[in-house]
Amino acid sequence: MVVTKQENQTEITEFHLVGFVGLGDLQVPVFCLFLLIYLVTMVGNILIILLVVIDPQLHTPMYLFLGNLSCLEICYSSNILPMILANVLYGGQRTISVIGCILQHCLFGLLAATECCLLVAMSYDRYVAICKPLHYTILMNNRVCLQFIAGSWIHSSFIMSIILYLMGQLKFCGPSEINHFFCELHPILKIACSDTHLIELVTISLSALCILFPFFLTLASYILIISTIMKMSSVSGRKKAFSTCSSHLMVVSIFYGTMIIVYVLPKTDVLQNINKVLSLFYTIVTPLFNPLIYSLRNREVKEALRKAVEKLYLFL
């Protein structure tokens, strides 16, 4: 650990990520599992982006949202999973600089907040498509879609710039151990030697704004969608639409539910003990499932994939 002297205090410049310790004989299987998840996540999301770009039939708001979501998941996974792999490989002996740790958390927060906004936009897109199909081209077109996407990134960047500024004011004098597999905010604040009341208050407020508000908007959209589906006369169409929306709602619930528990609920000892496990869901599970749930089950995406494979086969 590197230390510097400042105002009669020893200020640490590196953190030790505890991560997953005591795996023993499970170290290699766990490493292989996380590596497989990372590869599948990357391949699945890259495939979605390529299909959206090369197939003109997928140049619609729904698939523009999906392509942007896949970009998010690629960045999301690449920000977290390589560190998890290194942590498992080296038996929990992974270190990271204080500046690197703060930047990793802020990048994670930027991507998570953007995804929350994007999920709202996607649920609204589905609401308009199912509940107001005759007005779809007016209420939701490519221009509106791009405005939603740009707005999501701008909103999230502004929020995280506040967090970045506040985290940059923190001082760390020891201990240097972060009881997590990546640079998550609350374990960082727990070992800070400067006053953290302001950043804790701001974080709770912004978390409610970035997580709870989008969650209720997304939930409201799906409630209206399901209500409309239940009124459909076609049994087969109702089953297909309900199956799609229920799978979307399941992934959204996992993402928002775990984020709410970790970032919004009071930090009791019981919750702190399980936060590391819950973090696996929104950092690993949802980036893995999103391309499967949102894209690869769609008929249009399957058709685009089939045509792409045929073109590749003829080219080879």
C-alpha atoms as a PDB file:
ATOM      1  CA  MET A   1       0.000   0.000   0.000  1.00  0.00           C
ATOM      2  CA  VAL A   2       1.349   3.414  -0.969  1.00  0.00           C
ATOM      3  CA  VAL A   3       0.938   6.162   1.593  1.00  0.00           C
ATOM      4  CA  THR A   4       1.570   9.899   1.666  1.00  0.00           C
ATOM      5  CA  LYS A   5       1.831  12.285   4.611  1.00  0.00           C
ATOM      6  CA  GLN A   6      -0.614  15.156   4.682  1.00  0.00           C
ATOM      7  CA  GLU A   7      -1.619  17.273   7.706  1.00  0.00           C
ATOM      8  CA  ASN A   8      -0.216  14.727  10.204  1.00  0.00           C
ATOM      9  CA  GLN A   9      -2.372  11.949   8.710  1.00  0.00           C
ATOM     10  CA  THR A  10      -1.435   8.977   6.589  1.00  0.00           C
ATOM     11  CA  GLU A  11      -3.489   9.206   3.409  1.00  0.00           C
ATOM     12  CA  ILE A  12      -3.823   5.965   1.468  1.00  0.00           C
ATOM     13  CA  THR A  13      -3.652   5.998  -2.319  1.00  0.00           C
ATOM     14  CA  GLU A  14      -4.731   2.386  -3.000  1.00  0.00           C
ATOM     15  CA  PHE A  15      -7.696   0.243  -2.033  1.00  0.00           C
ATOM     16  CA  HIS A  16      -7.729  -3.492  -1.509  1.00  0.00           C
ATOM     17  CA  LEU A  17     -10.885  -5.086  -2.931  1.00  0.00           C
ATOM     18  CA  VAL A  18     -11.798  -8.073  -0.756  1.00  0.00           C
ATOM     19  CA  GLY A  19     -14.180  -9.508  -3.368  1.00  0.00           C
ATOM     20  CA  PHE A  20     -14.721 -13.251  -3.170  1.00  0.00           C
ATOM     21  CA  VAL A  21     -12.438 -14.849  -0.602  1.00  0.00           C
ATOM     22  CA  GLY A  22     -12.285 -18.375   0.762  1.00  0.00           C
ATOM     23  CA  LEU A  23     -13.359 -20.036  -2.490  1.00  0.00           C
ATOM     24  CA  GLY A  24     -10.769 -22.806  -2.129  1.00  0.00           C
ATOM     25  CA  ASP A  25     -11.365 -25.559  -4.692  1.00  0.00           C
ATOM     26  CA  LEU A  26     -14.194 -23.491  -6.213  1.00  0.00           C
ATOM     27  CA  GLN A  27     -11.804 -20.770  -7.410  1.00  0.00           C
ATOM     28  CA  VAL A  28     -11.297 -22.227 -10.909  1.00  0.00           C
ATOM     29  CA  PRO A  29     -14.989 -23.154 -11.508  1.00  0.00           C
ATOM     30  CA  VAL A  30     -16.146 -19.708 -10.310  1.00  0.00           C
ATOM     31  CA  PHE A  31     -13.560 -18.007 -12.547  1.00  0.00           C
ATOM     32  CA  CYS A  32     -14.711 -20.082 -15.542  1.00  0.00           C
ATOM     33  CA  LEU A  33     -18.364 -19.276 -14.768  1.00  0.00           C
ATOM     34  CA  PHE A  34     -17.740 -15.518 -14.654  1.00  0.00           C
ATOM     35  CA  LEU A  35     -15.581 -15.710 -17.781  1.00  0.00           C
ATOM     36  CA  LEU A  36     -18.355 -17.573 -19.627  1.00  0.00           C
ATOM     37  CA  ILE A  37     -20.919 -15.001 -18.478  1.00  0.00           C
ATOM     38  CA  TYR A  38     -18.681 -12.172 -19.684  1.00  0.00           C
ATOM     39  CA  LEU A  39     -18.114 -13.769 -23.099  1.00  0.00           C
ATOM     40  CA  VAL A  40     -21.807 -14.580 -23.614  1.00  0.00           C
ATOM     41  CA  THR A  41     -22.797 -11.065 -22.524  1.00  0.00           C
ATOM     42  CA  MET A  42     -20.333  -9.448 -24.907  1.00  0.00           C
ATOM     43  CA  VAL A  43     -21.171 -11.694 -27.875  1.00  0.00           C
ATOM     44  CA  GLY A  44     -24.940 -11.359 -27.365  1.00  0.00           C
ATOM     45  CA  ASN A  45     -24.916  -7.575 -27.084  1.00  0.00           C
ATOM     46  CA  ILE A  46     -22.420  -7.049 -29.922  1.00  0.00           C
ATOM     47  CA  LEU A  47     -24.600  -9.264 -32.120  1.00  0.00           C
ATOM     48  CA  ILE A  48     -27.660  -7.132 -31.351  1.00  0.00           C
ATOM     49  CA  ILE A  49     -25.784  -3.928 -32.239  1.00  0.00           C
ATOM     50  CA  LEU A  50     -24.535  -5.374 -35.531  1.00  0.00           C
ATOM     51  CA  LEU A  51     -28.006  -6.581 -36.518  1.00  0.00           C
ATOM     52  CA  VAL A  52     -29.589  -3.216 -35.707  1.00  0.00           C
ATOM     53  CA  VAL A  53     -26.924  -1.402 -37.749  1.00  0.00           C
ATOM     54  CA  ILE A  54     -26.881  -3.623 -40.857  1.00  0.00           C
ATOM     55  CA  ASP A  55     -30.589  -4.495 -41.210  1.00  0.00           C
ATOM     56  CA  PRO A  56     -32.754  -1.582 -42.471  1.00  0.00           C
ATOM     57  CA  GLN A  57     -35.908  -3.257 -41.134  1.00  0.00           C
ATOM     58  CA  LEU A  58     -34.564  -2.798 -37.607  1.00  0.00           C
ATOM     59  CA  HIS A  59     -34.101   0.962 -38.024  1.00  0.00           C
ATOM     60  CA  THR A  60     -37.141   1.662 -35.840  1.00  0.00           C
ATOM     61  CA  PRO A  61     -37.423   3.293 -32.384  1.00  0.00           C
ATOM     62  CA  MET A  62     -37.788  -0.040 -30.603  1.00  0.00           C
ATOM     63  CA  TYR A  63     -34.558  -1.440 -32.028  1.00  0.00           C
ATOM     64  CA  LEU A  64     -32.677   1.847 -31.702  1.00  0.00           C
ATOM     65  CA  PHE A  65     -33.456   1.620 -27.985  1.00  0.00           C
ATOM     66  CA  LEU A  66     -32.322  -2.005 -27.940  1.00  0.00           C
ATOM     67  CA  GLY A  67     -29.087  -1.172 -29.745  1.00  0.00           C
ATOM     68  CA  ASN A  68     -28.343   1.574 -27.244  1.00  0.00           C
ATOM     69  CA  LEU A  69     -29.211  -0.765 -24.364  1.00  0.00           C
ATOM     70  CA  SER A  70     -26.731  -3.289 -25.737  1.00  0.00           C
ATOM     71  CA  CYS A  71     -24.032  -0.591 -25.879  1.00  0.00           C
ATOM     72  CA  LEU A  72     -24.783   0.164 -22.246  1.00  0.00           C
ATOM     73  CA  GLU A  73     -24.525  -3.490 -21.250  1.00  0.00           C
ATOM     74  CA  ILE A  74     -21.174  -3.891 -23.028  1.00  0.00           C
ATOM     75  CA  CYS A  75     -19.734  -0.912 -21.139  1.00  0.00           C
ATOM     76  CA  TYR A  76     -21.429  -2.069 -17.938  1.00  0.00           C
ATOM     77  CA  SER A  77     -19.933  -5.554 -18.081  1.00  0.00           C
ATOM     78  CA  SER A  78     -16.500  -4.339 -19.199  1.00  0.00           C
ATOM     79  CA  ASN A  79     -16.403  -1.943 -16.252  1.00  0.00           C
ATOM     80  CA  ILE A  80     -17.178  -4.631 -13.640  1.00  0.00           C
ATOM     81  CA  LEU A  81     -16.502  -8.191 -14.823  1.00  0.00           C
ATOM     82  CA  PRO A  82     -12.770  -7.944 -15.668  1.00  0.00           C
ATOM     83  CA  MET A  83     -12.154  -6.772 -12.100  1.00  0.00           C
ATOM     84  CA  ILE A  84     -14.249  -9.659 -10.754  1.00  0.00           C
ATOM     85  CA  LEU A  85     -12.245 -12.106 -12.873  1.00  0.00           C
ATOM     86  CA  ALA A  86      -8.960 -10.677 -11.597  1.00  0.00           C
ATOM     87  CA  ASN A  87     -10.243 -10.754  -8.036  1.00  0.00           C
ATOM     88  CA  VAL A  88     -11.271 -14.403  -8.267  1.00  0.00           C
ATOM     89  CA  LEU A  89      -8.059 -15.347 -10.089  1.00  0.00           C
ATOM     90  CA  TYR A  90      -5.833 -13.762  -7.448  1.00  0.00           C
ATOM     91  CA  GLY A  91      -7.893 -14.964  -4.484  1.00  0.00           C
ATOM     92  CA  GLY A  92      -9.246 -11.586  -3.393  1.00  0.00           C
ATOM     93  CA  GLN A  93      -5.882  -9.807  -3.530  1.00  0.00           C
ATOM     94  CA  ARG A  94      -6.867  -7.163  -6.100  1.00  0.00           C
ATOM     95  CA  THR A  95      -5.802  -3.543  -5.547  1.00  0.00           C
ATOM     96  CA  ILE A  96      -6.938  -0.372  -7.280  1.00  0.00           C
ATOM     97  CA  SER A  97      -5.895   3.256  -6.911  1.00  0.00           C
ATOM     98  CA  VAL A  98      -8.224   5.636  -5.079  1.00  0.00           C
ATOM     99  CA  ILE A  99      -8.691   7.722  -8.235  1.00  0.00           C
ATOM    100  CA  GLY A 100      -9.313   4.594 -10.326  1.00  0.00           C
ATOM    101  CA  CYS A 101     -11.848   3.373  -7.792  1.00  0.00           C
ATOM    102  CA  ILE A 102     -13.780   6.649  -7.793  1.00  0.00           C
ATOM    103  CA  LEU A 103     -13.791   6.745 -11.597  1.00  0.00           C
ATOM    104  CA  GLN A 104     -14.991   3.138 -11.782  1.00  0.00           C
ATOM    105  CA  HIS A 105     -17.887   3.867  -9.451  1.00  0.00           C
ATOM    106  CA  CYS A 106     -18.854   7.028 -11.342  1.00  0.00           C
ATOM    107  CA  LEU A 107     -18.775   5.183 -14.676  1.00  0.00           C
ATOM    108  CA  PHE A 108     -20.928   2.453 -13.141  1.00  0.00           C
ATOM    109  CA  GLY A 109     -23.343   5.081 -11.800  1.00  0.00           C
ATOM    110  CA  LEU A 110     -23.498   6.851 -15.169  1.00  0.00           C
ATOM    111  CA  LEU A 111     -24.359   3.623 -16.981  1.00  0.00           C
ATOM    112  CA  ALA A 112     -26.855   2.487 -14.322  1.00  0.00           C
ATOM    113  CA  ALA A 113     -28.682   5.837 -14.263  1.00  0.00           C
ATOM    114  CA  THR A 114     -28.772   5.917 -18.074  1.00  0.00           C
ATOM    115  CA  GLU A 115     -30.189   2.389 -18.150  1.00  0.00           C
ATOM    116  CA  CYS A 116     -32.938   3.395 -15.710  1.00  0.00           C
ATOM    117  CA  CYS A 117     -33.924   6.254 -18.024  1.00  0.00           C
ATOM    118  CA  LEU A 118     -33.672   4.033 -21.088  1.00  0.00           C
ATOM    119  CA  LEU A 119     -35.921   1.373 -19.563  1.00  0.00           C
ATOM    120  CA  VAL A 120     -38.566   4.071 -19.030  1.00  0.00           C
ATOM    121  CA  ALA A 121     -38.302   5.116 -22.671  1.00  0.00           C
ATOM    122  CA  MET A 122     -38.530   1.485 -23.829  1.00  0.00           C
ATOM    123  CA  SER A 123     -41.586   0.818 -21.681  1.00  0.00           C
ATOM    124  CA  TYR A 124     -43.222   3.971 -23.064  1.00  0.00           C
ATOM    125  CA  ASP A 125     -42.421   2.807 -26.596  1.00  0.00           C
ATOM    126  CA  ARG A 126     -44.147  -0.535 -25.893  1.00  0.00           C
ATOM    127  CA  TYR A 127     -47.078   1.276 -24.255  1.00  0.00           C
ATOM    128  CA  VAL A 128     -47.651   3.436 -27.335  1.00  0.00           C
ATOM    129  CA  ALA A 129     -47.204   0.455 -29.701  1.00  0.00           C
ATOM    130  CA  ILE A 130     -49.740  -1.731 -27.851  1.00  0.00           C
ATOM    131  CA  CYS A 131     -52.174   0.743 -26.294  1.00  0.00           C
ATOM    132  CA  LYS A 132     -52.154   3.494 -28.966  1.00  0.00           C
ATOM    133  CA  PRO A 133     -51.051   1.766 -32.199  1.00  0.00           C
ATOM    134  CA  LEU A 134     -52.775   4.283 -34.486  1.00  0.00           C
ATOM    135  CA  HIS A 135     -50.773   7.134 -32.950  1.00  0.00           C
ATOM    136  CA  TYR A 136     -47.444   5.301 -32.832  1.00  0.00           C
ATOM    137  CA  THR A 137     -45.783   7.041 -35.786  1.00  0.00           C
ATOM    138  CA  ILE A 138     -46.733  10.434 -34.329  1.00  0.00           C
ATOM    139  CA  LEU A 139     -45.862   9.825 -30.669  1.00  0.00           C
ATOM    140  CA  MET A 140     -42.815   7.642 -31.260  1.00  0.00           C
ATOM    141  CA  ASN A 141     -40.533   8.101 -34.256  1.00  0.00           C
ATOM    142  CA  ASN A 142     -36.767   8.017 -34.756  1.00  0.00           C
ATOM    143  CA  ARG A 143     -36.381  11.696 -33.874  1.00  0.00           C
ATOM    144  CA  VAL A 144     -38.252  11.276 -30.588  1.00  0.00           C
ATOM    145  CA  CYS A 145     -36.280   8.093 -29.926  1.00  0.00           C
ATOM    146  CA  LEU A 146     -32.945   9.881 -30.341  1.00  0.00           C
ATOM    147  CA  GLN A 147     -34.180  12.681 -28.071  1.00  0.00           C
ATOM    148  CA  PHE A 148     -35.001  10.094 -25.390  1.00  0.00           C
ATOM    149  CA  ILE A 149     -31.551   8.512 -25.739  1.00  0.00           C
ATOM    150  CA  ALA A 150     -29.682  11.837 -25.678  1.00  0.00           C
ATOM    151  CA  GLY A 151     -31.766  13.019 -22.742  1.00  0.00           C
ATOM    152  CA  SER A 152     -30.966   9.844 -20.794  1.00  0.00           C
ATOM    153  CA  TRP A 153     -27.215  10.324 -21.233  1.00  0.00           C
ATOM    154  CA  ILE A 154     -27.298  14.067 -20.469  1.00  0.00           C
ATOM    155  CA  HIS A 155     -29.445  13.593 -17.355  1.00  0.00           C
ATOM    156  CA  SER A 156     -27.220  10.792 -16.034  1.00  0.00           C
ATOM    157  CA  SER A 157     -24.006  12.704 -16.801  1.00  0.00           C
ATOM    158  CA  PHE A 158     -25.240  15.695 -14.812  1.00  0.00           C
ATOM    159  CA  ILE A 159     -26.200  13.485 -11.833  1.00  0.00           C
ATOM    160  CA  MET A 160     -22.873  11.648 -11.789  1.00  0.00           C
ATOM    161  CA  SER A 161     -20.853  14.851 -12.138  1.00  0.00           C
ATOM    162  CA  ILE A 162     -22.274  15.865  -8.752  1.00  0.00           C
ATOM    163  CA  ILE A 163     -21.302  12.508  -7.209  1.00  0.00           C
ATOM    164  CA  LEU A 164     -17.843  12.679  -8.801  1.00  0.00           C
ATOM    165  CA  TYR A 165     -17.233  16.136  -7.342  1.00  0.00           C
ATOM    166  CA  LEU A 166     -18.320  15.047  -3.834  1.00  0.00           C
ATOM    167  CA  MET A 167     -16.278  11.833  -3.945  1.00  0.00           C
ATOM    168  CA  GLY A 168     -13.263  13.831  -5.060  1.00  0.00           C
ATOM    169  CA  GLN A 169     -13.405  15.736  -1.736  1.00  0.00           C
ATOM    170  CA  LEU A 170     -13.135  12.562   0.367  1.00  0.00           C
ATOM    171  CA  LYS A 171      -9.957  11.630   2.235  1.00  0.00           C
ATOM    172  CA  PHE A 172      -8.942   8.079   3.085  1.00  0.00           C
ATOM    173  CA  CYS A 173      -6.592   7.414   5.994  1.00  0.00           C
ATOM    174  CA  GLY A 174      -7.177   3.706   6.535  1.00  0.00           C
ATOM    175  CA  PRO A 175      -8.224   0.969   6.592  1.00  0.00           C
ATOM    176  CA  SER A 176      -7.796   0.326   2.879  1.00  0.00           C
ATOM    177  CA  GLU A 177     -10.037  -2.744   2.477  1.00  0.00           C
ATOM    178  CA  ILE A 178     -13.289  -2.433   0.503  1.00  0.00           C
ATOM    179  CA  ASN A 179     -15.610  -5.313   1.293  1.00  0.00           C
ATOM    180  CA  HIS A 180     -16.919  -5.669  -2.241  1.00  0.00           C
ATOM    181  CA  PHE A 181     -15.934  -7.042  -5.649  1.00  0.00           C
ATOM    182  CA  PHE A 182     -15.970  -3.589  -7.272  1.00  0.00           C
ATOM    183  CA  CYS A 183     -15.865   0.031  -6.151  1.00  0.00           C
ATOM    184  CA  GLU A 184     -19.388   0.366  -4.795  1.00  0.00           C
ATOM    185  CA  LEU A 185     -20.228   3.633  -3.032  1.00  0.00           C
ATOM    186  CA  HIS A 186     -21.275   2.562   0.458  1.00  0.00           C
ATOM    187  CA  PRO A 187     -18.206   0.397   1.230  1.00  0.00           C
ATOM    188  CA  ILE A 188     -16.064   3.330   0.024  1.00  0.00           C
ATOM    189  CA  LEU A 189     -17.843   5.807   2.296  1.00  0.00           C
ATOM    190  CA  LYS A 190     -17.524   3.382   5.187  1.00  0.00           C
ATOM    191  CA  ILE A 191     -13.706   3.668   5.185  1.00  0.00           C
ATOM    192  CA  ALA A 192     -13.467   7.407   4.451  1.00  0.00           C
ATOM    193  CA  CYS A 193     -11.893   9.473   7.236  1.00  0.00           C
ATOM    194  CA  SER A 194     -13.594  12.714   6.185  1.00  0.00           C
ATOM    195  CA  ASP A 195     -17.219  13.705   6.826  1.00  0.00           C
ATOM    196  CA  THR A 196     -19.577  11.750   4.559  1.00  0.00           C
ATOM    197  CA  HIS A 197     -22.966  13.092   5.736  1.00  0.00           C
ATOM    198  CA  LEU A 198     -23.398  15.428   2.756  1.00  0.00           C
ATOM    199  CA  ILE A 199     -22.549  12.855   0.100  1.00  0.00           C
ATOM    200  CA  GLU A 200     -24.753  10.251   1.825  1.00  0.00           C
ATOM    201  CA  LEU A 201     -27.698  12.669   1.852  1.00  0.00           C
ATOM    202  CA  VAL A 202     -27.127  13.691  -1.768  1.00  0.00           C
ATOM    203  CA  THR A 203     -26.698  10.063  -2.857  1.00  0.00           C
ATOM    204  CA  ILE A 204     -29.943   8.936  -1.229  1.00  0.00           C
ATOM    205  CA  SER A 205     -31.823  11.833  -2.817  1.00  0.00           C
ATOM    206  CA  LEU A 206     -30.348  11.266  -6.279  1.00  0.00           C
ATOM    207  CA  SER A 207     -30.831   7.491  -5.991  1.00  0.00           C
ATOM    208  CA  ALA A 208     -34.528   8.030  -5.306  1.00  0.00           C
ATOM    209  CA  LEU A 209     -34.703  10.351  -8.319  1.00  0.00           C
ATOM    210  CA  CYS A 210     -32.740   8.039 -10.646  1.00  0.00           C
ATOM    211  CA  ILE A 211     -34.183   4.694  -9.474  1.00  0.00           C
ATOM    212  CA  LEU A 212     -37.591   5.069  -7.797  1.00  0.00           C
ATOM    213  CA  PHE A 213     -39.078   7.602 -10.218  1.00  0.00           C
ATOM    214  CA  PRO A 214     -38.099   5.632 -13.366  1.00  0.00           C
ATOM    215  CA  PHE A 215     -39.206   2.405 -11.687  1.00  0.00           C
ATOM    216  CA  PHE A 216     -42.732   3.686 -11.011  1.00  0.00           C
ATOM    217  CA  LEU A 217     -43.015   5.119 -14.536  1.00  0.00           C
ATOM    218  CA  THR A 218     -41.870   1.802 -16.025  1.00  0.00           C
ATOM    219  CA  LEU A 219     -44.220  -0.158 -13.772  1.00  0.00           C
ATOM    220  CA  ALA A 220     -47.153   2.097 -14.685  1.00  0.00           C
ATOM    221  CA  SER A 221     -46.461   1.571 -18.398  1.00  0.00           C
ATOM    222  CA  TYR A 222     -46.441  -2.208 -18.049  1.00  0.00           C
ATOM    223  CA  ILE A 223     -49.615  -2.176 -15.931  1.00  0.00           C
ATOM    224  CA  LEU A 224     -51.389  -0.266 -18.720  1.00  0.00           C
ATOM    225  CA  ILE A 225     -49.906  -2.626 -21.311  1.00  0.00           C
ATOM    226  CA  ILE A 226     -51.060  -5.745 -19.447  1.00  0.00           C
ATOM    227  CA  SER A 227     -54.504  -4.196 -18.952  1.00  0.00           C
ATOM    228  CA  THR A 228     -54.779  -3.619 -22.712  1.00  0.00           C
ATOM    229  CA  ILE A 229     -53.524  -7.133 -23.477  1.00  0.00           C
ATOM    230  CA  MET A 230     -56.171  -8.697 -21.249  1.00  0.00           C
ATOM    231  CA  LYS A 231     -58.849  -6.991 -23.365  1.00  0.00           C
ATOM    232  CA  MET A 232     -57.588  -8.536 -26.618  1.00  0.00           C
ATOM    233  CA  SER A 233     -60.060 -10.823 -28.365  1.00  0.00           C
ATOM    234  CA  SER A 234     -57.398 -13.106 -29.865  1.00  0.00           C
ATOM    235  CA  VAL A 235     -56.312 -15.713 -27.313  1.00  0.00           C
ATOM    236  CA  SER A 236     -53.091 -16.547 -29.160  1.00  0.00           C
ATOM    237  CA  GLY A 237     -52.177 -12.877 -29.573  1.00  0.00           C
ATOM    238  CA  ARG A 238     -52.938 -12.248 -25.919  1.00  0.00           C
ATOM    239  CA  LYS A 239     -50.719 -15.128 -24.797  1.00  0.00           C
ATOM    240  CA  LYS A 240     -47.833 -14.017 -27.032  1.00  0.00           C
ATOM    241  CA  ALA A 241     -48.019 -10.381 -25.943  1.00  0.00           C
ATOM    242  CA  PHE A 242     -48.406 -11.317 -22.282  1.00  0.00           C
ATOM    243  CA  SER A 243     -45.436 -13.694 -22.464  1.00  0.00           C
ATOM    244  CA  THR A 244     -43.242 -10.977 -23.952  1.00  0.00           C
ATOM    245  CA  CYS A 245     -44.297  -8.293 -21.467  1.00  0.00           C
ATOM    246  CA  SER A 246     -44.043 -10.601 -18.462  1.00  0.00           C
ATOM    247  CA  SER A 247     -40.456 -11.520 -19.391  1.00  0.00           C
ATOM    248  CA  HIS A 248     -39.612  -7.821 -19.821  1.00  0.00           C
ATOM    249  CA  LEU A 249     -41.210  -7.049 -16.457  1.00  0.00           C
ATOM    250  CA  MET A 250     -39.274  -9.858 -14.787  1.00  0.00           C
ATOM    251  CA  VAL A 251     -35.884  -8.498 -15.910  1.00  0.00           C
ATOM    252  CA  VAL A 252     -36.915  -4.928 -15.049  1.00  0.00           C
ATOM    253  CA  SER A 253     -38.048  -6.055 -11.584  1.00  0.00           C
ATOM    254  CA  ILE A 254     -34.728  -7.822 -10.914  1.00  0.00           C
ATOM    255  CA  PHE A 255     -32.753  -4.756 -12.018  1.00  0.00           C
ATOM    256  CA  TYR A 256     -34.801  -2.151 -10.150  1.00  0.00           C
ATOM    257  CA  GLY A 257     -35.533  -4.343  -7.125  1.00  0.00           C
ATOM    258  CA  THR A 258     -31.897  -5.039  -6.297  1.00  0.00           C
ATOM    259  CA  MET A 259     -30.889  -1.425  -7.024  1.00  0.00           C
ATOM    260  CA  ILE A 260     -33.593  -0.126  -4.658  1.00  0.00           C
ATOM    261  CA  ILE A 261     -32.478  -2.449  -1.857  1.00  0.00           C
ATOM    262  CA  VAL A 262     -28.807  -1.506  -2.234  1.00  0.00           C
ATOM    263  CA  TYR A 263     -29.105   2.251  -2.849  1.00  0.00           C
ATOM    264  CA  VAL A 264     -32.443   3.462  -1.455  1.00  0.00           C
ATOM    265  CA  LEU A 265     -33.351   1.369   1.607  1.00  0.00           C
ATOM    266  CA  PRO A 266     -31.749   2.177   4.998  1.00  0.00           C
ATOM    267  CA  LYS A 267     -28.312   0.613   5.470  1.00  0.00           C
ATOM    268  CA  THR A 268     -29.023  -1.951   8.196  1.00  0.00           C
ATOM    269  CA  ASP A 269     -26.454  -4.599   9.166  1.00  0.00           C
ATOM    270  CA  VAL A 270     -28.601  -7.339   7.607  1.00  0.00           C
ATOM    271  CA  LEU A 271     -28.822  -5.527   4.243  1.00  0.00           C
ATOM    272  CA  GLN A 272     -25.120  -4.686   4.255  1.00  0.00           C
ATOM    273  CA  ASN A 273     -24.306  -8.380   4.553  1.00  0.00           C
ATOM    274  CA  ILE A 274     -26.319  -9.304   1.470  1.00  0.00           C
ATOM    275  CA  ASN A 275     -25.602  -6.232  -0.687  1.00  0.00           C
ATOM    276  CA  LYS A 276     -22.611  -7.936  -2.292  1.00  0.00           C
ATOM    277  CA  VAL A 277     -24.845 -10.801  -3.450  1.00  0.00           C
ATOM    278  CA  LEU A 278     -27.594  -8.451  -4.631  1.00  0.00           C
ATOM    279  CA  SER A 279     -25.053  -6.423  -6.612  1.00  0.00           C
ATOM    280  CA  LEU A 280     -24.393  -9.493  -8.764  1.00  0.00           C
ATOM    281  CA  PHE A 281     -27.913  -9.211 -10.188  1.00  0.00           C
ATOM    282  CA  TYR A 282     -27.690  -5.677 -11.588  1.00  0.00           C
ATOM    283  CA  THR A 283     -24.007  -5.922 -12.558  1.00  0.00           C
ATOM    284  CA  ILE A 284     -23.972  -9.420 -14.107  1.00  0.00           C
ATOM    285  CA  VAL A 285     -27.430 -10.994 -14.472  1.00  0.00           C
ATOM    286  CA  THR A 286     -29.296  -8.196 -16.262  1.00  0.00           C
ATOM    287  CA  PRO A 287     -26.539  -7.479 -18.836  1.00  0.00           C
ATOM    288  CA  LEU A 288     -26.573 -11.215 -19.609  1.00  0.00           C
ATOM    289  CA  PHE A 289     -30.357 -11.551 -19.877  1.00  0.00           C
ATOM    290  CA  ASN A 290     -31.256  -8.278 -21.604  1.00  0.00           C
ATOM    291  CA  PRO A 291     -30.178  -9.327 -25.134  1.00  0.00           C
ATOM    292  CA  LEU A 292     -31.956 -12.656 -24.672  1.00  0.00           C
ATOM    293  CA  ILE A 293     -35.190 -11.245 -23.260  1.00  0.00           C
ATOM    294  CA  TYR A 294     -35.525  -8.036 -25.261  1.00  0.00           C
ATOM    295  CA  SER A 295     -34.005  -8.972 -28.597  1.00  0.00           C
ATOM    296  CA  LEU A 296     -33.211 -12.561 -29.487  1.00  0.00           C
ATOM    297  CA  ARG A 297     -36.801 -13.679 -28.790  1.00  0.00           C
ATOM    298  CA  ASN A 298     -38.224 -11.166 -31.287  1.00  0.00           C
ATOM    299  CA  ARG A 299     -39.313 -12.443 -34.679  1.00  0.00           C
ATOM    300  CA  GLU A 300     -37.757  -9.464 -36.482  1.00  0.00           C
ATOM    301  CA  VAL A 301     -34.385 -10.023 -34.793  1.00  0.00           C
ATOM    302  CA  LYS A 302     -34.478 -13.750 -35.564  1.00  0.00           C
ATOM    303  CA  GLU A 303     -35.210 -12.977 -39.212  1.00  0.00           C
ATOM    304  CA  ALA A 304     -32.386 -10.416 -39.342  1.00  0.00           C
ATOM    305  CA  LEU A 305     -30.031 -12.951 -37.768  1.00  0.00           C
ATOM    306  CA  ARG A 306     -31.063 -15.605 -40.311  1.00  0.00           C
ATOM    307  CA  LYS A 307     -30.414 -13.255 -43.245  1.00  0.00           C
ATOM    308  CA  ALA A 308     -27.069 -12.200 -41.788  1.00  0.00           C
ATOM    309  CA  VAL A 309     -25.983 -15.838 -41.405  1.00  0.00           C
ATOM    310  CA  GLU A 310     -27.063 -16.604 -44.986  1.00  0.00           C
ATOM    311  CA  LYS A 311     -25.097 -13.620 -46.332  1.00  0.00           C
ATOM    312  CA  LEU A 312     -22.051 -14.659 -44.335  1.00  0.00           C
ATOM    313  CA  TYR A 313     -22.346 -18.230 -45.597  1.00  0.00           C
ATOM    314  CA  LEU A 314     -22.553 -17.077 -49.226  1.00  0.00           C
ATOM    315  CA  PHE A 315     -19.608 -14.714 -48.700  1.00  0.00           C
ATOM    316  CA  LEU A 316     -17.460 -17.511 -47.312  1.00  0.00           C
END
